[in-house]
N, C-alpha and C. Protein backbone atom coordinates (compact mmCIF):
# COMPACT_ATOMS: atom_id res chain seq x y z
N UNK A 1 -33.49 5.39 9.35
CA UNK A 1 -32.24 5.59 8.64
C UNK A 1 -31.12 5.67 9.66
N UNK A 2 -30.04 4.93 9.41
CA UNK A 2 -28.94 4.98 10.36
C UNK A 2 -28.00 6.13 10.03
N UNK A 3 -27.19 6.52 11.00
CA UNK A 3 -26.31 7.68 10.86
C UNK A 3 -25.27 7.48 9.77
N UNK A 4 -24.80 6.27 9.56
CA UNK A 4 -23.79 6.00 8.54
C UNK A 4 -24.33 6.34 7.15
N UNK A 5 -25.60 6.11 6.93
CA UNK A 5 -26.20 6.41 5.63
C UNK A 5 -26.20 7.90 5.33
N UNK A 6 -26.12 8.74 6.37
CA UNK A 6 -26.15 10.18 6.19
C UNK A 6 -24.78 10.78 5.93
N UNK A 7 -23.72 9.98 6.05
CA UNK A 7 -22.38 10.53 5.89
C UNK A 7 -22.16 11.04 4.47
N UNK A 8 -21.45 12.17 4.37
CA UNK A 8 -21.17 12.70 3.04
C UNK A 8 -20.17 11.82 2.31
N UNK A 9 -20.12 11.98 1.01
CA UNK A 9 -19.17 11.21 0.22
C UNK A 9 -17.76 11.73 0.48
N UNK A 10 -16.72 10.94 0.18
CA UNK A 10 -15.35 11.39 0.39
C UNK A 10 -15.09 12.71 -0.32
N UNK A 11 -14.34 13.58 0.37
CA UNK A 11 -14.04 14.88 -0.19
C UNK A 11 -15.06 15.94 0.21
N UNK A 12 -16.14 15.54 0.84
CA UNK A 12 -17.18 16.48 1.27
C UNK A 12 -17.11 16.59 2.79
N UNK A 13 -15.95 17.00 3.29
CA UNK A 13 -15.72 17.00 4.72
C UNK A 13 -16.43 18.08 5.50
N UNK A 14 -16.70 19.23 4.87
CA UNK A 14 -17.35 20.33 5.57
C UNK A 14 -18.81 20.39 5.19
N UNK A 15 -19.66 20.43 6.21
CA UNK A 15 -21.11 20.40 5.99
C UNK A 15 -21.78 21.52 6.77
N UNK A 16 -23.05 21.73 6.45
CA UNK A 16 -23.86 22.73 7.15
C UNK A 16 -24.40 22.16 8.46
N UNK A 17 -24.88 23.05 9.31
CA UNK A 17 -25.47 22.64 10.58
C UNK A 17 -26.68 21.73 10.37
N UNK A 18 -27.41 21.96 9.30
CA UNK A 18 -28.59 21.14 9.02
C UNK A 18 -28.22 19.67 8.88
N UNK A 19 -27.11 19.39 8.22
CA UNK A 19 -26.64 18.02 8.04
C UNK A 19 -26.34 17.39 9.40
N UNK A 20 -25.59 18.11 10.26
CA UNK A 20 -25.26 17.57 11.58
C UNK A 20 -26.50 17.40 12.45
N UNK A 21 -27.44 18.32 12.32
CA UNK A 21 -28.68 18.21 13.10
C UNK A 21 -29.41 16.92 12.76
N UNK A 22 -29.46 16.59 11.48
CA UNK A 22 -30.10 15.33 11.08
C UNK A 22 -29.29 14.13 11.55
N UNK A 23 -27.98 14.22 11.41
CA UNK A 23 -27.10 13.12 11.79
C UNK A 23 -27.23 12.77 13.26
N UNK A 24 -27.34 13.80 14.11
CA UNK A 24 -27.40 13.58 15.56
C UNK A 24 -28.78 13.82 16.16
N UNK A 25 -29.80 13.87 15.32
CA UNK A 25 -31.19 13.98 15.77
C UNK A 25 -31.36 15.12 16.78
N UNK A 26 -30.91 16.30 16.35
CA UNK A 26 -31.05 17.49 17.18
C UNK A 26 -31.47 18.64 16.26
N UNK A 27 -31.39 19.86 16.74
CA UNK A 27 -31.80 21.01 15.94
C UNK A 27 -30.60 21.82 15.46
N UNK A 28 -30.81 22.61 14.41
CA UNK A 28 -29.74 23.48 13.93
C UNK A 28 -29.29 24.48 15.01
N UNK A 29 -30.22 25.11 15.75
CA UNK A 29 -29.77 26.01 16.81
C UNK A 29 -28.86 25.32 17.84
N UNK A 30 -29.13 24.06 18.12
CA UNK A 30 -28.29 23.33 19.06
C UNK A 30 -26.88 23.15 18.49
N UNK A 31 -26.78 22.85 17.21
CA UNK A 31 -25.47 22.69 16.57
C UNK A 31 -24.69 24.00 16.65
N UNK A 32 -25.36 25.12 16.33
CA UNK A 32 -24.69 26.42 16.42
C UNK A 32 -24.30 26.76 17.86
N UNK A 33 -25.13 26.39 18.80
CA UNK A 33 -24.83 26.63 20.22
C UNK A 33 -23.59 25.84 20.64
N UNK A 34 -23.51 24.57 20.24
CA UNK A 34 -22.34 23.76 20.57
C UNK A 34 -21.08 24.38 19.98
N UNK A 35 -21.19 24.92 18.75
CA UNK A 35 -20.04 25.56 18.11
C UNK A 35 -19.63 26.82 18.88
N UNK A 36 -20.61 27.65 19.24
CA UNK A 36 -20.32 28.88 20.02
C UNK A 36 -19.64 28.55 21.34
N UNK A 37 -20.09 27.48 21.97
CA UNK A 37 -19.54 27.08 23.27
C UNK A 37 -18.21 26.35 23.15
N UNK A 38 -17.78 26.07 21.93
CA UNK A 38 -16.51 25.37 21.71
C UNK A 38 -16.60 23.87 21.91
N UNK A 39 -17.80 23.34 21.96
CA UNK A 39 -17.97 21.90 22.15
C UNK A 39 -17.66 21.12 20.88
N UNK A 40 -17.91 21.73 19.73
CA UNK A 40 -17.58 21.12 18.45
C UNK A 40 -16.85 22.15 17.60
N UNK A 41 -15.91 21.70 16.76
CA UNK A 41 -15.16 22.65 15.93
C UNK A 41 -16.01 23.14 14.75
N UNK A 42 -15.77 24.38 14.37
CA UNK A 42 -16.45 24.95 13.22
C UNK A 42 -15.49 25.88 12.49
N UNK A 43 -15.83 26.15 11.23
CA UNK A 43 -15.02 27.04 10.41
C UNK A 43 -15.96 28.02 9.74
N UNK A 44 -15.56 29.29 9.74
CA UNK A 44 -16.38 30.30 9.07
C UNK A 44 -15.83 30.53 7.67
N UNK A 45 -16.70 30.38 6.67
CA UNK A 45 -16.38 30.68 5.29
C UNK A 45 -17.26 31.86 4.90
N UNK A 46 -16.67 33.03 4.78
CA UNK A 46 -17.40 34.27 4.51
C UNK A 46 -18.53 34.42 5.52
N UNK A 47 -19.78 34.34 5.09
CA UNK A 47 -20.90 34.54 6.01
C UNK A 47 -21.56 33.25 6.49
N UNK A 48 -20.90 32.13 6.27
CA UNK A 48 -21.49 30.86 6.68
C UNK A 48 -20.55 30.10 7.62
N UNK A 49 -21.14 29.21 8.38
CA UNK A 49 -20.37 28.36 9.28
C UNK A 49 -20.49 26.93 8.77
N UNK A 50 -19.36 26.24 8.71
CA UNK A 50 -19.34 24.86 8.27
C UNK A 50 -18.66 24.00 9.33
N UNK A 51 -18.93 22.72 9.27
CA UNK A 51 -18.43 21.78 10.25
C UNK A 51 -17.73 20.63 9.56
N UNK A 52 -16.56 20.24 10.09
CA UNK A 52 -15.81 19.09 9.57
C UNK A 52 -16.44 17.84 10.18
N UNK A 53 -17.06 17.04 9.34
CA UNK A 53 -17.80 15.87 9.82
C UNK A 53 -16.92 14.94 10.65
N UNK A 54 -15.73 14.64 10.17
CA UNK A 54 -14.85 13.70 10.88
C UNK A 54 -14.48 14.23 12.26
N UNK A 55 -14.16 15.51 12.35
CA UNK A 55 -13.78 16.10 13.64
C UNK A 55 -14.95 16.12 14.62
N UNK A 56 -16.11 16.47 14.12
CA UNK A 56 -17.30 16.51 14.99
C UNK A 56 -17.66 15.11 15.45
N UNK A 57 -17.63 14.13 14.53
CA UNK A 57 -17.94 12.75 14.92
C UNK A 57 -16.97 12.26 15.99
N UNK A 58 -15.70 12.60 15.84
CA UNK A 58 -14.70 12.15 16.80
C UNK A 58 -15.00 12.69 18.19
N UNK A 59 -15.41 13.93 18.25
CA UNK A 59 -15.72 14.54 19.56
C UNK A 59 -17.02 13.97 20.13
N UNK A 60 -18.06 13.97 19.35
CA UNK A 60 -19.36 13.52 19.85
C UNK A 60 -19.35 12.05 20.19
N UNK A 61 -18.68 11.27 19.40
CA UNK A 61 -18.67 9.82 19.62
C UNK A 61 -17.49 9.37 20.48
N UNK A 62 -16.72 10.34 20.99
CA UNK A 62 -15.67 10.03 21.94
C UNK A 62 -14.42 9.38 21.37
N UNK A 63 -14.11 9.70 20.11
CA UNK A 63 -12.90 9.16 19.50
C UNK A 63 -11.97 10.30 19.14
N UNK A 64 -10.70 9.97 18.91
CA UNK A 64 -9.74 10.95 18.42
C UNK A 64 -9.93 11.11 16.93
N UNK A 65 -9.85 12.36 16.45
CA UNK A 65 -9.94 12.61 15.01
C UNK A 65 -8.71 12.04 14.33
N UNK A 66 -8.88 11.47 13.15
CA UNK A 66 -7.76 10.89 12.41
C UNK A 66 -7.55 11.62 11.12
């Protein structure tokens, strides 16, 4: 399965670490570690952490977020 097939539908910009872990073939703890270290942006909603797919893709894939 390619990464594009895993992208959320429009309007579903914030996702869980599990989604990003699958997208980038890594683990959830790694996603949380990158967020703690400031390598990828994250947002806390009450007791959960979410990630803006477009912003994370821009950083990981070396592009500017649009």
